Every structure is written in C-alpha cells, then in structure tokens.
Amino acid sequence: MGNVVCDISISVDGYVAGPDQTRQDPLGRGGESLHAWMFDTPDENRAELDRSMAAGAHIMGRHMFGPGRGAWDPDWTGWWGGEPPYDAPVFVLTHHEREPLVMRDGITITFVTTGIGSALEQARAAGGDRDVAIAGGAETINQYLRAGLIDELRTHVAPVVLGGGSRLFVDVPELRLVPVSARGAGLVTHITYRVGR
C-alpha cells in the first residue's frame, strides 16, 4: 500500500488560496501567484510536478472541483472543463450526492458523501499500491492532518504574502513535521516533511 501524500503550493504566510475567491477567480486575489513556479522554471521543477501527479488516486474538496455549495449543476465537470489534469481516479468530498463522471481516457470522478475516511478507503482501493494524493483545498488537507492520515506533506513555498484567504494548519493539533528535503528552484522552495504526532 502506498503513502498518503499532499503536494500544495503555499504562500510564506501560510495561505493556499487568496481572499475573495469567486467563479471568475477560483484561487482568490493573488492566488495565481502561488503557482507561477510551475511556468517560470518548468525544467527545474519538472520532477516536482511529475511527482505530484504520479499518485494512484486523488482526493479533493468540493470547492477545488467547483464553485457551488448546494445542489450540483449537472453540466459542471470541474474547473478544468472536460480535460482534468489527473491521470488517475479522483474522489471529491461533498455533502450532495452526484453520479460519477467518466472523463477522458476513462478517468472517473467519484463524489463521496460519507466522509474523509470513506474517501481514503475508496482511493486506496482504486490506487492499488500507489500513493493516494490529498489534492486540496486547505480545509480538506486540514481535515486529513487533524485525523493523522497524511504521511508526507510536500509544500511548494512561493515568495508571496497573500495576507488572507484559505490557510493551511487551521485547527490542526500539534504536529511533528520531520524535514526530508528542501530545495530552492526559481520562484519556489520545495520542502518535504514526514508527518508525525
């Protein structure tokens, strides 16, 4: 069985999205700057990008999939439209039932209404021996951290101060983060931690 991992771009003041998130600006004011490293120095960062997408399954919160909070818009297929960036099954945490979506290359997006443990169990079954990635957003990552279910946290720290938005480590009990590696590359510092309690 693989590890439960999390790759997340984060500002130096701890935010993974800026304030005032909208349908037109899903990462909030300034949030796009957290991901500039992916495009500024792609060759230097290719290994990090590849590693973040290499999981056997991905789990995300509803807001990372779309802007709605109530009943589903049946035409909505994700912020990415019909071409999700994932090459493995995706499990979306939600309080509203929805039939699974089958995307390109047979990638299935499953909507889970039975909590983070159930989503992880389904993702492990789908991913086989590969890692399961907790893709975000902040509240989803925080839930998994609170439950002690993340083995490895990979932060991609952008030299940006957002001053507000969606913050990592909110209401998370004391954690012991053991540094595994740190590397600066252009507009980002990649830091990997093993997560303990």
C-alpha atoms as a PDB file:
ATOM      1  CA  MET A   1       0.000   0.000   0.000  1.00  0.00           C
ATOM      2  CA  GLY A   2       1.289   3.462  -0.910  1.00  0.00           C
ATOM      3  CA  ASN A   3       1.542   6.510   1.320  1.00  0.00           C
ATOM      4  CA  VAL A   4      -0.977   9.300   1.707  1.00  0.00           C
ATOM      5  CA  VAL A   5       0.774  12.377   0.362  1.00  0.00           C
ATOM      6  CA  CYS A   6      -0.086  16.007  -0.136  1.00  0.00           C
ATOM      7  CA  ASP A   7       1.521  18.460  -2.564  1.00  0.00           C
ATOM      8  CA  ILE A   8       0.444  22.060  -2.044  1.00  0.00           C
ATOM      9  CA  SER A   9       1.664  25.460  -3.174  1.00  0.00           C
ATOM     10  CA  ILE A  10       1.613  27.862  -0.249  1.00  0.00           C
ATOM     11  CA  SER A  11       2.465  31.491   0.468  1.00  0.00           C
ATOM     12  CA  VAL A  12       5.100  32.355   3.063  1.00  0.00           C
ATOM     13  CA  ASP A  13       2.258  33.444   5.379  1.00  0.00           C
ATOM     14  CA  GLY A  14       0.541  30.060   5.116  1.00  0.00           C
ATOM     15  CA  TYR A  15      -2.240  30.532   2.542  1.00  0.00           C
ATOM     16  CA  VAL A  16      -3.019  28.116  -0.294  1.00  0.00           C
ATOM     17  CA  ALA A  17      -5.553  30.469  -1.921  1.00  0.00           C
ATOM     18  CA  GLY A  18      -6.076  34.209  -1.685  1.00  0.00           C
ATOM     19  CA  PRO A  19      -9.066  36.119  -0.314  1.00  0.00           C
ATOM     20  CA  ASP A  20     -12.286  36.758  -2.245  1.00  0.00           C
ATOM     21  CA  GLN A  21     -12.481  33.504  -4.192  1.00  0.00           C
ATOM     22  CA  THR A  22     -15.093  33.651  -6.968  1.00  0.00           C
ATOM     23  CA  ARG A  23     -16.118  31.637 -10.002  1.00  0.00           C
ATOM     24  CA  GLN A  24     -14.029  34.027 -12.115  1.00  0.00           C
ATOM     25  CA  ASP A  25     -11.086  33.921  -9.680  1.00  0.00           C
ATOM     26  CA  PRO A  26     -11.090  30.446  -8.091  1.00  0.00           C
ATOM     27  CA  LEU A  27      -7.756  30.955  -6.322  1.00  0.00           C
ATOM     28  CA  GLY A  28      -8.777  34.348  -4.916  1.00  0.00           C
ATOM     29  CA  ARG A  29      -6.935  37.634  -5.140  1.00  0.00           C
ATOM     30  CA  GLY A  30      -3.258  36.911  -5.735  1.00  0.00           C
ATOM     31  CA  GLY A  31      -3.734  33.152  -5.600  1.00  0.00           C
ATOM     32  CA  GLU A  32      -2.441  32.565  -9.118  1.00  0.00           C
ATOM     33  CA  SER A  33       0.981  33.823  -7.967  1.00  0.00           C
ATOM     34  CA  LEU A  34       1.340  30.695  -5.823  1.00  0.00           C
ATOM     35  CA  HIS A  35       1.676  28.630  -8.989  1.00  0.00           C
ATOM     36  CA  ALA A  36       3.982  30.888 -11.035  1.00  0.00           C
ATOM     37  CA  TRP A  37       6.857  28.498 -10.322  1.00  0.00           C
ATOM     38  CA  MET A  38       5.210  25.826 -12.456  1.00  0.00           C
ATOM     39  CA  PHE A  39       5.574  28.010 -15.540  1.00  0.00           C
ATOM     40  CA  ASP A  40       8.584  30.217 -14.742  1.00  0.00           C
ATOM     41  CA  THR A  41      11.174  27.451 -14.480  1.00  0.00           C
ATOM     42  CA  PRO A  42       9.418  24.314 -15.710  1.00  0.00           C
ATOM     43  CA  ASP A  43      12.625  22.369 -16.374  1.00  0.00           C
ATOM     44  CA  GLU A  44      13.940  22.955 -12.837  1.00  0.00           C
ATOM     45  CA  ASN A  45      10.610  21.923 -11.381  1.00  0.00           C
ATOM     46  CA  ARG A  46       9.584  19.090 -13.698  1.00  0.00           C
ATOM     47  CA  ALA A  47      10.420  16.369 -11.149  1.00  0.00           C
ATOM     48  CA  GLU A  48       8.212  18.030  -8.506  1.00  0.00           C
ATOM     49  CA  LEU A  49       5.335  18.417 -10.947  1.00  0.00           C
ATOM     50  CA  ASP A  50       5.638  14.822 -12.127  1.00  0.00           C
ATOM     51  CA  ARG A  51       5.833  13.507  -8.565  1.00  0.00           C
ATOM     52  CA  SER A  52       2.721  15.454  -7.552  1.00  0.00           C
ATOM     53  CA  MET A  53       0.695  13.871 -10.364  1.00  0.00           C
ATOM     54  CA  ALA A  54       2.049  10.319 -10.016  1.00  0.00           C
ATOM     55  CA  ALA A  55      -0.460   9.143  -7.405  1.00  0.00           C
ATOM     56  CA  GLY A  56      -2.767   6.200  -7.967  1.00  0.00           C
ATOM     57  CA  ALA A  57      -5.776   8.280  -6.856  1.00  0.00           C
ATOM     58  CA  HIS A  58      -6.540  11.872  -5.804  1.00  0.00           C
ATOM     59  CA  ILE A  59      -8.891  13.263  -3.142  1.00  0.00           C
ATOM     60  CA  MET A  60     -10.149  16.839  -3.166  1.00  0.00           C
ATOM     61  CA  GLY A  61     -12.767  19.014  -1.551  1.00  0.00           C
ATOM     62  CA  ARG A  62     -15.806  20.222  -3.395  1.00  0.00           C
ATOM     63  CA  HIS A  63     -14.534  23.789  -3.778  1.00  0.00           C
ATOM     64  CA  MET A  64     -11.408  22.524  -5.520  1.00  0.00           C
ATOM     65  CA  PHE A  65     -13.704  20.799  -8.017  1.00  0.00           C
ATOM     66  CA  GLY A  66     -16.156  23.670  -8.494  1.00  0.00           C
ATOM     67  CA  PRO A  67     -17.670  26.845  -7.049  1.00  0.00           C
ATOM     68  CA  GLY A  68     -21.048  25.551  -5.888  1.00  0.00           C
ATOM     69  CA  ARG A  69     -22.124  24.716  -2.351  1.00  0.00           C
ATOM     70  CA  GLY A  70     -25.684  23.422  -2.775  1.00  0.00           C
ATOM     71  CA  ALA A  71     -27.198  21.039  -5.303  1.00  0.00           C
ATOM     72  CA  TRP A  72     -24.941  20.137  -8.206  1.00  0.00           C
ATOM     73  CA  ASP A  73     -25.051  21.809 -11.599  1.00  0.00           C
ATOM     74  CA  PRO A  74     -25.105  18.642 -13.743  1.00  0.00           C
ATOM     75  CA  ASP A  75     -23.227  20.411 -16.550  1.00  0.00           C
ATOM     76  CA  TRP A  76     -20.258  21.309 -14.312  1.00  0.00           C
ATOM     77  CA  THR A  77     -17.285  18.984 -14.940  1.00  0.00           C
ATOM     78  CA  GLY A  78     -14.633  20.747 -12.875  1.00  0.00           C
ATOM     79  CA  TRP A  79     -12.632  23.966 -13.055  1.00  0.00           C
ATOM     80  CA  TRP A  80     -10.676  22.329 -15.884  1.00  0.00           C
ATOM     81  CA  GLY A  81     -13.730  21.623 -18.080  1.00  0.00           C
ATOM     82  CA  GLY A  82     -13.627  18.318 -19.907  1.00  0.00           C
ATOM     83  CA  GLU A  83      -9.871  17.860 -19.557  1.00  0.00           C
ATOM     84  CA  PRO A  84      -8.887  17.170 -15.935  1.00  0.00           C
ATOM     85  CA  PRO A  85      -5.135  17.324 -15.234  1.00  0.00           C
ATOM     86  CA  TYR A  86      -5.267  13.973 -13.429  1.00  0.00           C
ATOM     87  CA  ASP A  87      -4.346  10.586 -14.887  1.00  0.00           C
ATOM     88  CA  ALA A  88      -5.875   8.591 -12.036  1.00  0.00           C
ATOM     89  CA  PRO A  89      -9.275   8.376 -10.318  1.00  0.00           C
ATOM     90  CA  VAL A  90     -10.453  11.458  -8.407  1.00  0.00           C
ATOM     91  CA  PHE A  91     -12.649  11.423  -5.300  1.00  0.00           C
ATOM     92  CA  VAL A  92     -14.499  14.643  -4.418  1.00  0.00           C
ATOM     93  CA  LEU A  93     -15.714  15.197  -0.850  1.00  0.00           C
ATOM     94  CA  THR A  94     -19.228  16.651  -0.813  1.00  0.00           C
ATOM     95  CA  HIS A  95     -22.496  16.723   1.130  1.00  0.00           C
ATOM     96  CA  HIS A  96     -24.568  16.394  -2.069  1.00  0.00           C
ATOM     97  CA  GLU A  97     -24.875  13.142  -3.983  1.00  0.00           C
ATOM     98  CA  ARG A  98     -23.945  13.025  -7.634  1.00  0.00           C
ATOM     99  CA  GLU A  99     -23.392  10.212 -10.095  1.00  0.00           C
ATOM    100  CA  PRO A 100     -19.738   9.569 -11.022  1.00  0.00           C
ATOM    101  CA  LEU A 101     -18.347  11.378 -14.057  1.00  0.00           C
ATOM    102  CA  VAL A 102     -16.276   9.451 -16.585  1.00  0.00           C
ATOM    103  CA  MET A 103     -13.786  11.791 -18.230  1.00  0.00           C
ATOM    104  CA  ARG A 104     -11.221  11.415 -20.997  1.00  0.00           C
ATOM    105  CA  ASP A 105      -9.193   8.201 -21.032  1.00  0.00           C
ATOM    106  CA  GLY A 106     -11.739   6.660 -18.677  1.00  0.00           C
ATOM    107  CA  ILE A 107     -10.690   8.737 -15.639  1.00  0.00           C
ATOM    108  CA  THR A 108     -13.582   8.606 -13.176  1.00  0.00           C
ATOM    109  CA  ILE A 109     -14.526  11.365 -10.748  1.00  0.00           C
ATOM    110  CA  THR A 110     -16.457   9.915  -7.818  1.00  0.00           C
ATOM    111  CA  PHE A 111     -18.430  12.081  -5.395  1.00  0.00           C
ATOM    112  CA  VAL A 112     -18.140  10.906  -1.785  1.00  0.00           C
ATOM    113  CA  THR A 113     -20.757  11.916   0.789  1.00  0.00           C
ATOM    114  CA  THR A 114     -19.616   9.546   3.543  1.00  0.00           C
ATOM    115  CA  GLY A 115     -16.583  11.456   4.876  1.00  0.00           C
ATOM    116  CA  ILE A 116     -12.805  11.566   4.642  1.00  0.00           C
ATOM    117  CA  GLY A 117     -12.252   8.002   5.874  1.00  0.00           C
ATOM    118  CA  SER A 118     -14.560   6.566   3.242  1.00  0.00           C
ATOM    119  CA  ALA A 119     -12.933   8.675   0.522  1.00  0.00           C
ATOM    120  CA  LEU A 120      -9.497   7.432   1.569  1.00  0.00           C
ATOM    121  CA  GLU A 121     -10.660   3.819   1.624  1.00  0.00           C
ATOM    122  CA  GLN A 122     -12.099   4.152  -1.894  1.00  0.00           C
ATOM    123  CA  ALA A 123      -8.992   5.955  -3.157  1.00  0.00           C
ATOM    124  CA  ARG A 124      -6.691   3.266  -1.733  1.00  0.00           C
ATOM    125  CA  ALA A 125      -8.760   0.562  -3.437  1.00  0.00           C
ATOM    126  CA  ALA A 126      -8.626   2.438  -6.744  1.00  0.00           C
ATOM    127  CA  GLY A 127      -4.930   3.321  -6.467  1.00  0.00           C
ATOM    128  CA  GLY A 128      -3.621  -0.135  -5.642  1.00  0.00           C
ATOM    129  CA  ASP A 129      -0.036   0.006  -4.369  1.00  0.00           C
ATOM    130  CA  ARG A 130       0.476   3.619  -5.474  1.00  0.00           C
ATOM    131  CA  ASP A 131       0.249   6.699  -3.270  1.00  0.00           C
ATOM    132  CA  VAL A 132      -3.025   8.494  -2.611  1.00  0.00           C
ATOM    133  CA  ALA A 133      -2.748  12.273  -3.031  1.00  0.00           C
ATOM    134  CA  ILE A 134      -4.760  14.746  -0.975  1.00  0.00           C
ATOM    135  CA  ALA A 135      -5.023  17.461  -3.616  1.00  0.00           C
ATOM    136  CA  GLY A 136      -6.692  20.233  -1.585  1.00  0.00           C
ATOM    137  CA  GLY A 137      -8.040  22.709  -0.838  1.00  0.00           C
ATOM    138  CA  ALA A 138      -6.957  23.908   2.571  1.00  0.00           C
ATOM    139  CA  GLU A 139      -9.961  22.619   4.533  1.00  0.00           C
ATOM    140  CA  THR A 140      -9.657  19.144   3.016  1.00  0.00           C
ATOM    141  CA  ILE A 141      -5.934  18.993   3.791  1.00  0.00           C
ATOM    142  CA  ASN A 142      -6.583  20.269   7.315  1.00  0.00           C
ATOM    143  CA  GLN A 143      -9.213  17.557   7.881  1.00  0.00           C
ATOM    144  CA  TYR A 144      -6.752  14.843   6.874  1.00  0.00           C
ATOM    145  CA  LEU A 145      -3.999  16.394   9.022  1.00  0.00           C
ATOM    146  CA  ARG A 146      -6.368  16.563  12.026  1.00  0.00           C
ATOM    147  CA  ALA A 147      -7.182  12.889  11.557  1.00  0.00           C
ATOM    148  CA  GLY A 148      -3.488  11.945  11.327  1.00  0.00           C
ATOM    149  CA  LEU A 149      -3.967  10.446   7.876  1.00  0.00           C
ATOM    150  CA  ILE A 150      -1.223  12.222   5.869  1.00  0.00           C
ATOM    151  CA  ASP A 151       2.176  10.504   5.769  1.00  0.00           C
ATOM    152  CA  GLU A 152       4.109  13.059   3.711  1.00  0.00           C
ATOM    153  CA  LEU A 153       3.486  16.786   3.241  1.00  0.00           C
ATOM    154  CA  ARG A 154       5.217  18.439   0.277  1.00  0.00           C
ATOM    155  CA  THR A 155       4.975  22.216   0.389  1.00  0.00           C
ATOM    156  CA  HIS A 156       5.949  24.417  -2.544  1.00  0.00           C
ATOM    157  CA  VAL A 157       6.572  27.769  -0.874  1.00  0.00           C
ATOM    158  CA  ALA A 158       6.120  30.793  -3.130  1.00  0.00           C
ATOM    159  CA  PRO A 159       7.798  34.094  -2.138  1.00  0.00           C
ATOM    160  CA  VAL A 160       4.395  35.744  -1.816  1.00  0.00           C
ATOM    161  CA  VAL A 161       2.455  37.217   1.127  1.00  0.00           C
ATOM    162  CA  LEU A 162      -1.300  36.982   0.493  1.00  0.00           C
ATOM    163  CA  GLY A 163      -2.466  38.378   3.837  1.00  0.00           C
ATOM    164  CA  GLY A 164      -5.680  36.349   3.842  1.00  0.00           C
ATOM    165  CA  GLY A 165      -7.590  33.557   2.149  1.00  0.00           C
ATOM    166  CA  SER A 166      -7.617  29.803   2.753  1.00  0.00           C
ATOM    167  CA  ARG A 167      -4.983  28.870   5.283  1.00  0.00           C
ATOM    168  CA  LEU A 168      -3.204  25.602   5.963  1.00  0.00           C
ATOM    169  CA  PHE A 169      -2.967  24.216   9.561  1.00  0.00           C
ATOM    170  CA  VAL A 170      -6.183  25.858  10.830  1.00  0.00           C
ATOM    171  CA  ASP A 171      -7.448  23.960  13.920  1.00  0.00           C
ATOM    172  CA  VAL A 172      -4.816  21.278  13.364  1.00  0.00           C
ATOM    173  CA  PRO A 173      -3.426  19.855  16.608  1.00  0.00           C
ATOM    174  CA  GLU A 174       0.277  19.838  17.287  1.00  0.00           C
ATOM    175  CA  LEU A 175       2.173  18.016  14.554  1.00  0.00           C
ATOM    176  CA  ARG A 176       5.742  16.849  14.344  1.00  0.00           C
ATOM    177  CA  LEU A 177       6.996  17.626  10.850  1.00  0.00           C
ATOM    178  CA  VAL A 178      10.271  15.872  10.090  1.00  0.00           C
ATOM    179  CA  PRO A 179      12.155  17.578   7.236  1.00  0.00           C
ATOM    180  CA  VAL A 180      13.085  15.147   4.486  1.00  0.00           C
ATOM    181  CA  SER A 181      14.346  17.548   1.816  1.00  0.00           C
ATOM    182  CA  ALA A 182      14.441  21.220   0.874  1.00  0.00           C
ATOM    183  CA  ARG A 183      15.416  22.749  -2.438  1.00  0.00           C
ATOM    184  CA  GLY A 184      15.091  26.213  -3.914  1.00  0.00           C
ATOM    185  CA  ALA A 185      14.300  26.485  -7.618  1.00  0.00           C
ATOM    186  CA  GLY A 186      13.459  29.842  -9.159  1.00  0.00           C
ATOM    187  CA  LEU A 187      10.211  31.182  -7.688  1.00  0.00           C
ATOM    188  CA  VAL A 188       9.700  28.359  -5.180  1.00  0.00           C
ATOM    189  CA  THR A 189      11.241  26.423  -2.329  1.00  0.00           C
ATOM    190  CA  HIS A 190      10.215  22.763  -2.273  1.00  0.00           C
ATOM    191  CA  ILE A 191      10.114  21.352   1.268  1.00  0.00           C
ATOM    192  CA  THR A 192       9.107  17.769   2.006  1.00  0.00           C
ATOM    193  CA  TYR A 193       8.149  16.623   5.506  1.00  0.00           C
ATOM    194  CA  ARG A 194       7.237  13.305   7.056  1.00  0.00           C
ATOM    195  CA  VAL A 195       4.214  13.909   9.255  1.00  0.00           C
ATOM    196  CA  GLY A 196       4.138  12.621  12.821  1.00  0.00           C
ATOM    197  CA  ARG A 197       2.298  13.391  16.051  1.00  0.00           C
END
